[in-house]
């Protein structure tokens, strides 16, 4: 494992290194070391919300819900609508057993980013946990049979009361079921399942370990931490689905003579969760097979039992299109996203329509059909829901125009992207837009203007402390300066001998050096993906793809 030297920890420039190391540790499941690296990175940039969210995730994986909630709330200080921080706060509240507040934040996130599956799944599991804790009225059936003479006597007493007497109503107390604590071995065994054997092993190890030696004390501490974690998990699972809820489900299953079936909605959501997992694992063939099976299941369910059936079908077509795109099958990818668009337009699902237009543009851009990508994205532009989404769309349309050699249109869209990025206060997209404007000006031979735009881009890269982008921009500026010098020499102007020598040297190496059309995209490719994405989840893929084509 790579470790950051202690001498670099005080250097602000070491932040990307610490952040990158922490991300790798998180992915490998080394949560303790990941927390240390994120903490060091946050000492350099305390308000970096990506680090805060991911450190919160590490704390949550280790069972420390208090610290996880603290980091999640810190990520929402500057922007309370930051969807990743909102989801992480909801997860922390859910794991802490505060299901009602978790449901509130799942709903808020779903309103902000309705296309993200994790918020819908969060709503579903929070509702189930609340129902299991509180119960539902349909589980209690009342009838009027039996001896009601006691109630009749009470009614007679009420009639005899003097009407002038003041009546004070006492507020009714809502009776909630008490949380059962897993205080017996049978309950603990049912809650832990396969982990119960691990718990028994740890308890045995705790009894047999000698606490007098240093090694024994260390082992004792680790065992106690493990047992504490298992106990907290047991209590949490008991809250999510208490014993009486489990018994109730078992009785229902016995009465039916078969296992309890889930509703069509729950079944489809569960299948989509599995598809999402396969997508994260880059198992695209598995995604396609699973989606085809889910689509067959949807076809067998009527809209009476599943009212949002067409919404699910549109979403599955979108997932299949993304899988085909990652596999390089542009024909099938375009066909699937077109089906998503058709359903969105016919049924009136605005989210599906916007999502499909984004994805179709991606497919055409990656396939080199830039005019088609422009046509699709220009249809999407009026439907943009945020300034940041407008920034991305204008930037991508501008890059497509640049690929087609239409530098004037490319510059116009670059300026629109820059204006939207300024409104959104996003320096990362300001850098993207300035690089695009610079490239368009170089293409149109407006070299002096290109230098000014490159200098602005260099300043923004400096604010972002992105040294790699600064290096790439510097190379592009050098190339443009040499072209300006070449123009002056060809025009018969007097040139300083030192500059002329530099020019001759550059001209000799120009076959091996990076041209300005290549250097500027290199600057953009070095720009780290913006953490606040528009309403689609594929911005970086589209931006990177179009950039690499240039």
Protein backbone atom coordinates (compact mmCIF):
# COMPACT_ATOMS: atom_id res chain seq x y z
CA UNK A 1 0.00 0.00 0.00
CA UNK A 2 1.24 3.47 -0.93
CA UNK A 3 1.64 5.90 2.01
CA UNK A 4 1.91 9.67 1.75
CA UNK A 5 5.23 10.99 3.17
CA UNK A 6 4.76 13.03 6.34
CA UNK A 7 6.64 15.96 4.78
CA UNK A 8 3.86 16.38 2.19
CA UNK A 9 0.99 16.48 4.67
CA UNK A 10 1.36 20.21 5.29
CA UNK A 11 1.57 20.95 1.55
CA UNK A 12 -1.86 21.93 0.08
CA UNK A 13 -0.76 20.39 -3.20
CA UNK A 14 -0.75 16.94 -1.58
CA UNK A 15 -4.56 17.01 -1.21
CA UNK A 16 -5.28 15.14 -4.51
CA UNK A 17 -2.75 12.48 -3.50
CA UNK A 18 -4.37 11.94 -0.09
CA UNK A 19 -7.85 11.94 -1.61
CA UNK A 20 -6.86 9.39 -4.27
CA UNK A 21 -5.22 7.12 -1.67
CA UNK A 22 -8.32 7.29 0.54
CA UNK A 23 -10.63 6.37 -2.37
CA UNK A 24 -8.51 3.30 -3.15
CA UNK A 25 -8.55 2.22 0.49
CA UNK A 26 -12.34 2.65 0.62
CA UNK A 27 -12.82 0.53 -2.51
CA UNK A 28 -10.57 -2.20 -1.11
CA UNK A 29 -12.60 -2.30 2.13
CA UNK A 30 -9.80 -0.96 4.37
CA UNK A 31 -12.10 1.47 6.19
CA UNK A 32 -9.85 2.36 9.16
CA UNK A 33 -6.95 3.48 6.94
CA UNK A 34 -9.38 5.18 4.56
CA UNK A 35 -10.73 7.28 7.45
CA UNK A 36 -7.15 8.29 8.38
CA UNK A 37 -6.41 9.40 4.79
CA UNK A 38 -9.70 11.30 4.47
CA UNK A 39 -9.01 13.01 7.80
CA UNK A 40 -5.56 14.15 6.58
CA UNK A 41 -7.07 15.38 3.32
CA UNK A 42 -9.81 17.28 5.20
CA UNK A 43 -7.16 19.00 7.31
CA UNK A 44 -6.01 20.63 4.06
CA UNK A 45 -9.52 21.25 2.70
CA UNK A 46 -12.07 21.04 5.54
CA UNK A 47 -15.03 21.82 3.26
CA UNK A 48 -14.42 19.15 0.60
CA UNK A 49 -17.81 17.48 0.58
CA UNK A 50 -16.77 14.40 -1.43
CA UNK A 51 -14.25 13.52 1.29
CA UNK A 52 -16.85 14.17 3.99
CA UNK A 53 -19.44 11.93 2.32
CA UNK A 54 -16.99 9.09 1.75
CA UNK A 55 -15.57 9.31 5.27
CA UNK A 56 -19.16 9.14 6.50
CA UNK A 57 -19.59 5.97 4.43
CA UNK A 58 -16.49 4.48 6.09
CA UNK A 59 -17.83 5.27 9.57
CA UNK A 60 -21.14 3.69 8.60
CA UNK A 61 -19.43 0.52 7.41
CA UNK A 62 -17.70 0.30 10.79
CA UNK A 63 -21.01 0.77 12.65
CA UNK A 64 -20.28 4.27 13.99
CA UNK A 65 -23.56 5.97 13.04
CA UNK A 66 -22.90 9.09 15.15
CA UNK A 67 -19.72 10.05 13.28
CA UNK A 68 -21.28 9.03 9.97
CA UNK A 69 -24.19 11.41 10.63
CA UNK A 70 -21.81 14.17 11.70
CA UNK A 71 -19.82 13.99 8.43
CA UNK A 72 -22.99 13.75 6.32
CA UNK A 73 -24.39 16.91 7.94
CA UNK A 74 -21.07 18.70 7.42
CA UNK A 75 -21.25 17.96 3.68
CA UNK A 76 -24.62 19.77 3.54
CA UNK A 77 -23.49 22.99 5.23
CA UNK A 78 -22.70 24.91 2.03
CA UNK A 79 -25.41 23.36 -0.14
CA UNK A 80 -28.37 21.75 1.63
CA UNK A 81 -29.53 20.27 -1.70
CA UNK A 82 -26.29 18.32 -2.31
CA UNK A 83 -27.82 14.96 -3.22
CA UNK A 84 -24.89 12.74 -2.18
CA UNK A 85 -24.75 14.32 1.27
CA UNK A 86 -28.53 14.03 1.58
CA UNK A 87 -28.44 10.33 0.70
CA UNK A 88 -25.61 9.69 3.13
CA UNK A 89 -27.48 11.50 5.93
CA UNK A 90 -30.56 9.39 5.20
CA UNK A 91 -28.45 6.22 5.33
CA UNK A 92 -26.87 7.28 8.64
CA UNK A 93 -30.29 8.04 10.16
CA UNK A 94 -31.66 4.72 8.91
CA UNK A 95 -28.78 2.76 10.40
CA UNK A 96 -29.17 4.69 13.66
CA UNK A 97 -32.79 3.48 13.85
CA UNK A 98 -34.37 6.90 13.16
CA UNK A 99 -36.50 5.56 10.30
CA UNK A 100 -38.98 8.47 10.22
CA UNK A 101 -36.28 11.14 9.66
CA UNK A 102 -34.47 8.84 7.23
CA UNK A 103 -37.71 8.61 5.21
CA UNK A 104 -37.92 12.42 5.17
CA UNK A 105 -34.44 12.75 3.63
CA UNK A 106 -35.01 9.88 1.18
CA UNK A 107 -38.09 11.77 -0.04
CA UNK A 108 -36.18 15.06 -0.32
CA UNK A 109 -33.46 13.41 -2.34
CA UNK A 110 -36.02 11.70 -4.58
CA UNK A 111 -37.64 15.06 -5.34
CA UNK A 112 -34.25 16.53 -6.27
CA UNK A 113 -32.93 13.56 -8.26
CA UNK A 114 -35.91 11.36 -9.22
CA UNK A 115 -33.82 9.39 -11.72
CA UNK A 116 -31.59 7.89 -8.99
CA UNK A 117 -32.71 4.43 -7.90
CA UNK A 118 -31.09 4.54 -4.44
CA UNK A 119 -33.53 7.17 -3.15
CA UNK A 120 -36.55 5.10 -4.24
CA UNK A 121 -35.07 2.00 -2.62
CA UNK A 122 -34.41 4.02 0.55
CA UNK A 123 -38.04 5.16 0.68
CA UNK A 124 -39.18 1.56 0.34
CA UNK A 125 -36.96 0.13 3.08
CA UNK A 126 -37.66 3.03 5.49
CA UNK A 127 -41.41 2.52 5.06
CA UNK A 128 -41.09 -1.19 5.72
CA UNK A 129 -39.01 -0.55 8.85
CA UNK A 130 -41.61 1.93 10.18
CA UNK A 131 -44.46 -0.49 9.51
CA UNK A 132 -42.56 -3.29 11.27
CA UNK A 133 -41.92 -1.06 14.31
CA UNK A 134 -45.33 0.59 14.64
CA UNK A 135 -47.62 -1.90 12.93
CA UNK A 136 -50.50 -1.28 10.54
CA UNK A 137 -54.28 -1.07 11.22
CA UNK A 138 -55.02 -3.94 8.85
CA UNK A 139 -53.32 -6.35 11.27
CA UNK A 140 -55.98 -5.67 13.92
CA UNK A 141 -59.59 -6.68 13.24
CA UNK A 142 -62.28 -5.52 15.69
CA UNK A 143 -65.82 -6.89 15.95
CA UNK A 144 -68.94 -6.04 17.97
CA UNK A 145 -69.74 -9.53 19.24
CA UNK A 146 -69.81 -10.34 22.97
CA UNK A 147 -71.23 -8.76 26.14
CA UNK A 148 -71.57 -4.97 25.65
CA UNK A 149 -73.51 -4.28 28.87
CA UNK A 150 -70.52 -2.54 30.46
CA UNK A 151 -70.40 0.05 27.67
CA UNK A 152 -74.17 0.56 27.84
CA UNK A 153 -73.86 1.31 31.58
CA UNK A 154 -71.16 3.85 30.87
CA UNK A 155 -73.41 5.57 28.32
CA UNK A 156 -76.20 5.84 30.93
CA UNK A 157 -73.82 7.49 33.43
CA UNK A 158 -72.81 10.09 30.82
CA UNK A 159 -76.46 10.98 30.19
CA UNK A 160 -77.00 11.70 33.93
CA UNK A 161 -74.22 14.31 34.04
CA UNK A 162 -75.21 17.96 34.48
CA UNK A 163 -74.91 19.79 31.17
CA UNK A 164 -73.48 22.94 32.78
CA UNK A 165 -70.43 21.23 34.19
CA UNK A 166 -67.14 21.98 32.52
CA UNK A 167 -65.52 19.10 30.75
CA UNK A 168 -61.80 18.96 30.37
CA UNK A 169 -60.57 16.74 27.56
CA UNK A 170 -57.33 14.98 28.13
CA UNK A 171 -55.09 14.54 25.11
CA UNK A 172 -55.03 10.97 23.89
CA UNK A 173 -51.67 9.30 23.99
CA UNK A 174 -50.61 7.36 20.94
CA UNK A 175 -49.61 3.90 22.06
CA UNK A 176 -46.52 2.69 20.26
CA UNK A 177 -45.05 -0.72 20.53
CA UNK A 178 -41.97 -0.90 22.66
CA UNK A 179 -38.77 -1.84 20.97
CA UNK A 180 -37.84 -5.35 21.83
CA UNK A 181 -34.29 -5.84 22.99
CA UNK A 182 -32.61 -9.03 21.86
CA UNK A 183 -31.92 -10.22 25.40
CA UNK A 184 -32.07 -13.98 24.83
CA UNK A 185 -29.90 -16.30 22.79
CA UNK A 186 -32.74 -17.52 20.57
CA UNK A 187 -33.58 -13.98 19.47
CA UNK A 188 -29.92 -13.12 18.92
CA UNK A 189 -29.44 -16.29 16.86
CA UNK A 190 -32.40 -15.45 14.64
CA UNK A 191 -31.21 -11.88 14.15
CA UNK A 192 -27.56 -12.66 13.38
CA UNK A 193 -28.13 -15.73 11.23
CA UNK A 194 -24.77 -16.98 9.90
CA UNK A 195 -22.95 -14.38 12.04
CA UNK A 196 -24.12 -16.12 15.22
CA UNK A 197 -21.28 -18.66 14.86
CA UNK A 198 -18.79 -15.77 14.69
CA UNK A 199 -20.27 -14.31 17.85
CA UNK A 200 -19.88 -17.61 19.70
CA UNK A 201 -16.27 -17.86 18.55
CA UNK A 202 -15.51 -14.33 19.78
CA UNK A 203 -17.12 -15.00 23.17
CA UNK A 204 -15.06 -18.18 23.53
CA UNK A 205 -11.89 -16.34 22.51
CA UNK A 206 -12.64 -13.61 25.06
CA UNK A 207 -12.85 -16.18 27.88
CA UNK A 208 -9.69 -18.02 26.85
CA UNK A 209 -7.45 -14.98 26.24
CA UNK A 210 -4.88 -14.08 28.89
CA UNK A 211 -5.28 -10.36 29.72
CA UNK A 212 -1.97 -10.05 31.57
CA UNK A 213 0.23 -9.78 28.45
CA UNK A 214 0.27 -6.93 25.93
CA UNK A 215 -0.75 -9.26 23.11
CA UNK A 216 -3.62 -10.60 25.21
CA UNK A 217 -4.84 -7.10 25.98
CA UNK A 218 -4.70 -6.20 22.29
CA UNK A 219 -6.65 -9.33 21.31
CA UNK A 220 -9.13 -8.64 24.13
CA UNK A 221 -9.75 -5.12 22.84
CA UNK A 222 -10.27 -6.31 19.26
CA UNK A 223 -12.66 -9.06 20.38
CA UNK A 224 -14.69 -6.60 22.44
CA UNK A 225 -14.91 -4.25 19.45
CA UNK A 226 -16.17 -7.13 17.32
CA UNK A 227 -18.78 -8.16 19.88
CA UNK A 228 -19.91 -4.55 20.29
CA UNK A 229 -20.37 -4.28 16.54
CA UNK A 230 -22.41 -7.49 16.40
CA UNK A 231 -24.56 -6.34 19.34
CA UNK A 232 -25.30 -3.00 17.68
CA UNK A 233 -26.18 -4.78 14.42
CA UNK A 234 -28.46 -7.14 16.32
CA UNK A 235 -30.32 -4.24 17.92
CA UNK A 236 -30.58 -2.48 14.56
CA UNK A 237 -31.98 -5.55 12.77
CA UNK A 238 -34.37 -6.02 15.66
CA UNK A 239 -35.63 -2.47 15.07
CA UNK A 240 -35.92 -2.95 11.31
CA UNK A 241 -37.94 -6.16 11.67
CA UNK A 242 -38.84 -7.04 15.30
CA UNK A 243 -39.67 -10.56 16.36
CA UNK A 244 -43.42 -9.95 16.37
CA UNK A 245 -43.22 -8.80 12.74
CA UNK A 246 -41.25 -11.92 11.82
CA UNK A 247 -43.75 -14.13 13.65
CA UNK A 248 -46.65 -12.36 11.95
CA UNK A 249 -45.14 -12.98 8.51
CA UNK A 250 -44.48 -16.62 9.39
CA UNK A 251 -48.12 -17.08 10.47
CA UNK A 252 -49.36 -15.53 7.23
CA UNK A 253 -47.11 -17.84 5.24
CA UNK A 254 -48.37 -20.89 7.15
CA UNK A 255 -52.00 -19.87 6.66
CA UNK A 256 -51.45 -19.61 2.93
CA UNK A 257 -49.56 -22.89 2.85
CA UNK A 258 -46.65 -21.26 1.04
CA UNK A 259 -44.01 -18.58 1.50
CA UNK A 260 -45.25 -14.99 1.70
CA UNK A 261 -45.10 -13.31 -1.71
CA UNK A 262 -43.90 -9.79 -2.26
CA UNK A 263 -45.96 -7.26 -4.19
CA UNK A 264 -45.18 -6.72 -7.91
CA UNK A 265 -43.71 -3.30 -7.08
CA UNK A 266 -41.39 -4.70 -4.40
CA UNK A 267 -40.31 -7.54 -6.69
CA UNK A 268 -39.39 -5.21 -9.57
CA UNK A 269 -37.56 -2.79 -7.25
CA UNK A 270 -35.58 -5.70 -5.80
CA UNK A 271 -34.65 -6.92 -9.28
CA UNK A 272 -33.56 -3.42 -10.33
CA UNK A 273 -31.35 -3.24 -7.25
CA UNK A 274 -29.60 -6.41 -8.47
CA UNK A 275 -29.25 -4.87 -11.95
CA UNK A 276 -27.72 -1.75 -10.41
CA UNK A 277 -25.18 -3.90 -8.57
CA UNK A 278 -24.20 -5.71 -11.78
CA UNK A 279 -23.79 -2.33 -13.49
CA UNK A 280 -21.42 -1.15 -10.77
CA UNK A 281 -19.42 -4.37 -11.23
CA UNK A 282 -19.14 -3.63 -15.00
CA UNK A 283 -20.86 -6.95 -15.74
CA UNK A 284 -22.72 -5.61 -18.78
CA UNK A 285 -23.69 -8.98 -20.23
CA UNK A 286 -25.19 -9.93 -16.86
CA UNK A 287 -27.05 -6.60 -16.85
CA UNK A 288 -28.60 -7.33 -20.26
CA UNK A 289 -29.69 -10.86 -19.29
CA UNK A 290 -31.19 -9.66 -16.01
CA UNK A 291 -32.99 -6.75 -17.72
CA UNK A 292 -34.51 -9.07 -20.32
CA UNK A 293 -35.88 -11.31 -17.56
CA UNK A 294 -37.30 -8.32 -15.67
CA UNK A 295 -38.86 -7.03 -18.89
CA UNK A 296 -40.55 -10.41 -19.38
CA UNK A 297 -41.89 -10.21 -15.82
CA UNK A 298 -43.24 -6.72 -16.47
CA UNK A 299 -45.03 -7.89 -19.61
CA UNK A 300 -46.86 -10.51 -17.53
CA UNK A 301 -48.10 -7.93 -14.97
CA UNK A 302 -51.12 -5.76 -15.75
CA UNK A 303 -51.12 -2.03 -15.05
CA UNK A 304 -53.95 -2.61 -12.56
CA UNK A 305 -51.52 -4.39 -10.24
CA UNK A 306 -48.56 -2.18 -11.17
CA UNK A 307 -49.71 1.36 -12.09
CA UNK A 308 -46.19 2.64 -12.85
CA UNK A 309 -45.37 -0.30 -15.14
CA UNK A 310 -44.38 1.94 -18.09
CA UNK A 311 -42.02 3.97 -15.88
CA UNK A 312 -40.19 0.76 -14.99
CA UNK A 313 -40.07 -0.34 -18.65
CA UNK A 314 -38.59 3.01 -19.71
CA UNK A 315 -35.99 2.78 -16.95
CA UNK A 316 -34.98 -0.76 -18.02
CA UNK A 317 -34.60 0.34 -21.66
CA UNK A 318 -32.29 3.13 -20.40
CA UNK A 319 -30.17 0.69 -18.39
CA UNK A 320 -29.87 -1.69 -21.36
CA UNK A 321 -28.87 1.22 -23.60
CA UNK A 322 -26.10 2.23 -21.20
CA UNK A 323 -24.87 -1.38 -21.03
CA UNK A 324 -24.77 -1.67 -24.83
CA UNK A 325 -22.93 1.67 -25.01
CA UNK A 326 -20.24 0.49 -22.60
CA UNK A 327 -19.86 -2.65 -24.74
CA UNK A 328 -19.38 -0.50 -27.87
CA UNK A 329 -22.63 -1.66 -29.53
CA UNK A 330 -23.88 1.75 -30.72
CA UNK A 331 -26.76 0.38 -32.81
CA UNK A 332 -28.46 -1.46 -29.95
CA UNK A 333 -27.61 1.34 -27.52
CA UNK A 334 -29.35 3.87 -29.78
CA UNK A 335 -32.36 1.55 -30.22
CA UNK A 336 -32.84 1.07 -26.46
CA UNK A 337 -32.56 4.79 -25.67
CA UNK A 338 -35.00 5.52 -28.52
CA UNK A 339 -37.50 3.14 -26.86
CA UNK A 340 -36.97 4.99 -23.58
CA UNK A 341 -37.69 8.29 -25.40
CA UNK A 342 -40.79 6.89 -27.12
CA UNK A 343 -42.29 5.70 -23.82
CA UNK A 344 -41.50 9.05 -22.21
CA UNK A 345 -43.23 10.99 -25.00
CA UNK A 346 -46.27 8.70 -25.35
CA UNK A 347 -46.98 8.22 -21.63
CA UNK A 348 -45.87 11.72 -20.61
CA UNK A 349 -42.95 10.75 -18.37
CA UNK A 350 -40.80 13.89 -18.39
CA UNK A 351 -37.87 12.29 -16.55
CA UNK A 352 -37.69 9.44 -19.07
CA UNK A 353 -37.80 11.88 -22.00
CA UNK A 354 -34.97 14.05 -20.61
CA UNK A 355 -32.88 11.01 -19.69
CA UNK A 356 -33.31 9.46 -23.15
CA UNK A 357 -32.28 12.67 -24.93
CA UNK A 358 -29.13 12.88 -22.80
CA UNK A 359 -28.24 9.27 -23.53
CA UNK A 360 -28.97 9.44 -27.27
CA UNK A 361 -26.65 12.43 -27.54
CA UNK A 362 -23.96 10.44 -25.74
CA UNK A 363 -24.32 7.51 -28.14
CA UNK A 364 -24.09 9.72 -31.25
CA UNK A 365 -21.13 11.70 -29.88
CA UNK A 366 -19.19 8.57 -28.98
CA UNK A 367 -19.98 7.10 -32.40
CA UNK A 368 -18.62 10.21 -34.15
CA UNK A 369 -22.06 11.35 -35.43
CA UNK A 370 -21.68 14.86 -34.07
CA UNK A 371 -24.50 16.52 -36.03
CA UNK A 372 -27.00 13.98 -34.71
CA UNK A 373 -25.68 14.55 -31.18
CA UNK A 374 -26.15 18.31 -31.66
CA UNK A 375 -29.75 17.84 -32.90
CA UNK A 376 -30.65 15.66 -29.90
CA UNK A 377 -28.97 17.85 -27.27
CA UNK A 378 -30.52 21.02 -28.72
CA UNK A 379 -33.92 19.36 -28.20
CA UNK A 380 -32.93 18.73 -24.58
CA UNK A 381 -31.63 22.26 -23.93
CA UNK A 382 -35.06 23.92 -23.31
CA UNK A 383 -35.90 21.10 -20.86
CA UNK A 384 -32.82 21.76 -18.72
CA UNK A 385 -33.70 21.87 -15.01
CA UNK A 386 -30.62 23.63 -13.62
CA UNK A 387 -27.87 26.03 -14.65
CA UNK A 388 -25.29 23.28 -14.21
CA UNK A 389 -27.16 21.00 -16.60
CA UNK A 390 -27.35 23.89 -19.09
CA UNK A 391 -23.59 24.35 -18.71
CA UNK A 392 -22.93 20.73 -19.57
CA UNK A 393 -25.28 20.69 -22.57
CA UNK A 394 -23.86 23.91 -24.07
CA UNK A 395 -20.32 22.61 -23.55
CA UNK A 396 -21.05 19.29 -25.27
CA UNK A 397 -22.87 20.95 -28.19
CA UNK A 398 -19.92 23.34 -28.58
CA UNK A 399 -17.43 20.46 -28.64
CA UNK A 400 -19.48 18.72 -31.34
CA UNK A 401 -19.49 21.89 -33.44
CA UNK A 402 -15.71 22.07 -32.94
CA UNK A 403 -15.40 18.51 -34.27
CA UNK A 404 -17.39 19.52 -37.33
CA UNK A 405 -15.03 22.46 -37.96
CA UNK A 406 -17.68 25.10 -37.16
CA UNK A 407 -15.55 27.17 -34.83
CA UNK A 408 -17.95 30.13 -34.69
CA UNK A 409 -20.84 28.03 -33.37
CA UNK A 410 -18.43 26.21 -31.05
CA UNK A 411 -17.34 29.53 -29.53
CA UNK A 412 -20.94 30.72 -29.13
CA UNK A 413 -21.91 27.61 -27.19
CA UNK A 414 -18.66 27.80 -25.22
CA UNK A 415 -19.57 31.33 -24.11
CA UNK A 416 -23.08 30.16 -23.14
CA UNK A 417 -21.52 27.33 -21.13
CA UNK A 418 -19.18 29.81 -19.43
CA UNK A 419 -22.07 32.11 -18.52
CA UNK A 420 -24.07 29.23 -17.00
CA UNK A 421 -20.99 27.97 -15.13
CA UNK A 422 -20.52 31.45 -13.61
CA UNK A 423 -24.19 31.47 -12.53
CA UNK A 424 -23.77 27.98 -11.03
CA UNK A 425 -20.50 29.10 -9.34
CA UNK A 426 -18.74 25.98 -10.58
CA UNK A 427 -15.05 26.60 -11.31
CA UNK A 428 -14.55 23.15 -12.81
CA UNK A 429 -17.03 23.78 -15.61
CA UNK A 430 -15.67 27.31 -16.05
CA UNK A 431 -12.35 25.67 -16.88
CA UNK A 432 -14.03 23.31 -19.39
CA UNK A 433 -15.83 26.20 -21.07
CA UNK A 434 -12.71 28.43 -21.30
CA UNK A 435 -10.69 25.61 -22.87
CA UNK A 436 -13.46 25.10 -25.45
CA UNK A 437 -13.53 28.83 -26.27
CA UNK A 438 -9.72 28.83 -26.63
CA UNK A 439 -9.81 25.89 -29.03
CA UNK A 440 -12.54 27.52 -31.14
CA UNK A 441 -10.50 30.72 -31.40
CA UNK A 442 -7.39 28.78 -32.46
CA UNK A 443 -9.43 27.00 -35.15
CA UNK A 444 -10.65 30.34 -36.49
CA UNK A 445 -7.04 31.70 -36.42
CA UNK A 446 -7.84 34.31 -33.76
CA UNK A 447 -4.61 33.53 -31.97
CA UNK A 448 -4.42 36.64 -29.76
CA UNK A 449 -7.93 36.02 -28.43
CA UNK A 450 -7.07 32.35 -27.91
CA UNK A 451 -4.08 33.33 -25.76
CA UNK A 452 -6.29 35.54 -23.58
CA UNK A 453 -8.80 32.68 -23.10
CA UNK A 454 -6.01 30.21 -22.32
CA UNK A 455 -4.64 32.63 -19.69
CA UNK A 456 -8.08 32.81 -18.05
CA UNK A 457 -8.28 29.01 -18.10
CA UNK A 458 -4.81 28.84 -16.51
CA UNK A 459 -5.97 31.12 -13.67
CA UNK A 460 -9.05 28.96 -13.02
CA UNK A 461 -6.89 25.81 -13.01
CA UNK A 462 -4.69 27.55 -10.44
CA UNK A 463 -7.72 28.23 -8.22
CA UNK A 464 -8.57 24.53 -8.46
CA UNK A 465 -4.92 23.64 -7.67
CA UNK A 466 -4.89 21.39 -10.74
CA UNK A 467 -1.22 21.32 -11.74
CA UNK A 468 -1.69 18.79 -14.55
CA UNK A 469 -4.29 21.00 -16.24
CA UNK A 470 -1.98 24.02 -15.84
CA UNK A 471 0.87 22.11 -17.52
CA UNK A 472 -1.34 21.10 -20.45
CA UNK A 473 -2.63 24.68 -20.86
CA UNK A 474 0.95 26.00 -20.75
CA UNK A 475 1.92 23.66 -23.62
CA UNK A 476 -1.08 24.84 -25.63
CA UNK A 477 -0.14 28.51 -25.01
CA UNK A 478 3.43 27.85 -26.15
CA UNK A 479 2.14 26.32 -29.38
CA UNK A 480 -0.10 29.33 -30.02
CA UNK A 481 2.81 31.73 -29.30
CA UNK A 482 4.94 29.91 -31.87
CA UNK A 483 2.13 30.23 -34.44
CA UNK A 484 1.93 33.97 -33.75
CA UNK A 485 5.70 34.20 -34.27
CA UNK A 486 5.44 32.19 -37.48
CA UNK A 487 2.80 34.59 -38.77
CA UNK A 488 5.04 37.58 -37.99
CA UNK A 489 8.03 36.01 -39.78
CA UNK A 490 5.95 35.19 -42.84
CA UNK A 491 4.65 38.79 -42.86
CA UNK A 492 8.22 40.10 -43.09
CA UNK A 493 8.25 41.69 -39.64
CA UNK A 494 11.47 42.01 -37.68
CA UNK A 495 11.73 39.38 -34.96
CA UNK A 496 14.15 39.27 -32.05
CA UNK A 497 16.95 36.76 -32.81
CA UNK A 498 16.32 34.93 -29.53
CA UNK A 499 12.65 34.44 -30.45
CA UNK A 500 13.66 33.41 -33.97
CA UNK A 501 16.03 30.77 -32.54
CA UNK A 502 13.23 29.48 -30.31
CA UNK A 503 10.94 29.37 -33.32
CA UNK A 504 13.43 27.40 -35.43
CA UNK A 505 13.90 24.94 -32.58
CA UNK A 506 10.15 24.55 -32.20
CA UNK A 507 9.72 24.09 -35.94
CA UNK A 508 12.29 21.29 -35.93
CA UNK A 509 10.48 19.50 -33.09
CA UNK A 510 6.91 20.24 -34.20
CA UNK A 511 6.51 16.78 -35.67
CA UNK A 512 6.98 15.25 -32.21
CA UNK A 513 5.37 17.94 -30.07
CA UNK A 514 1.73 18.31 -29.09
CA UNK A 515 -0.26 20.73 -31.27
CA UNK A 516 -2.57 23.26 -29.74
CA UNK A 517 -5.63 21.28 -30.89
CA UNK A 518 -4.31 18.33 -28.88
CA UNK A 519 -2.94 20.21 -25.87
CA UNK A 520 -6.20 21.94 -24.96
CA UNK A 521 -8.23 18.72 -24.85
CA UNK A 522 -5.43 17.28 -22.74
CA UNK A 523 -6.04 20.10 -20.27
CA UNK A 524 -9.70 19.26 -20.19
CA UNK A 525 -9.09 15.55 -19.77
CA UNK A 526 -6.97 16.33 -16.70
CA UNK A 527 -9.82 18.20 -15.07
CA UNK A 528 -11.32 16.02 -12.37
CA UNK A 529 -14.99 15.14 -12.78
CA UNK A 530 -17.31 17.71 -11.20
CA UNK A 531 -19.00 16.28 -8.10
CA UNK A 532 -22.27 18.15 -8.64
CA UNK A 533 -23.71 16.50 -11.73
CA UNK A 534 -26.82 17.56 -13.63
CA UNK A 535 -29.90 15.40 -13.72
CA UNK A 536 -28.18 12.59 -15.64
CA UNK A 537 -25.45 10.30 -14.33
CA UNK A 538 -23.34 10.26 -17.49
CA UNK A 539 -21.88 13.76 -17.77
CA UNK A 540 -18.25 12.85 -17.27
CA UNK A 541 -18.47 9.97 -19.74
CA UNK A 542 -19.92 12.23 -22.45
CA UNK A 543 -17.52 15.09 -21.74
CA UNK A 544 -14.47 12.85 -21.68
CA UNK A 545 -15.55 11.04 -24.84
CA UNK A 546 -16.09 14.16 -26.91
CA UNK A 547 -12.83 15.60 -25.57
CA UNK A 548 -10.85 12.51 -26.50
CA UNK A 549 -12.21 12.67 -30.07
CA UNK A 550 -10.62 16.10 -30.65
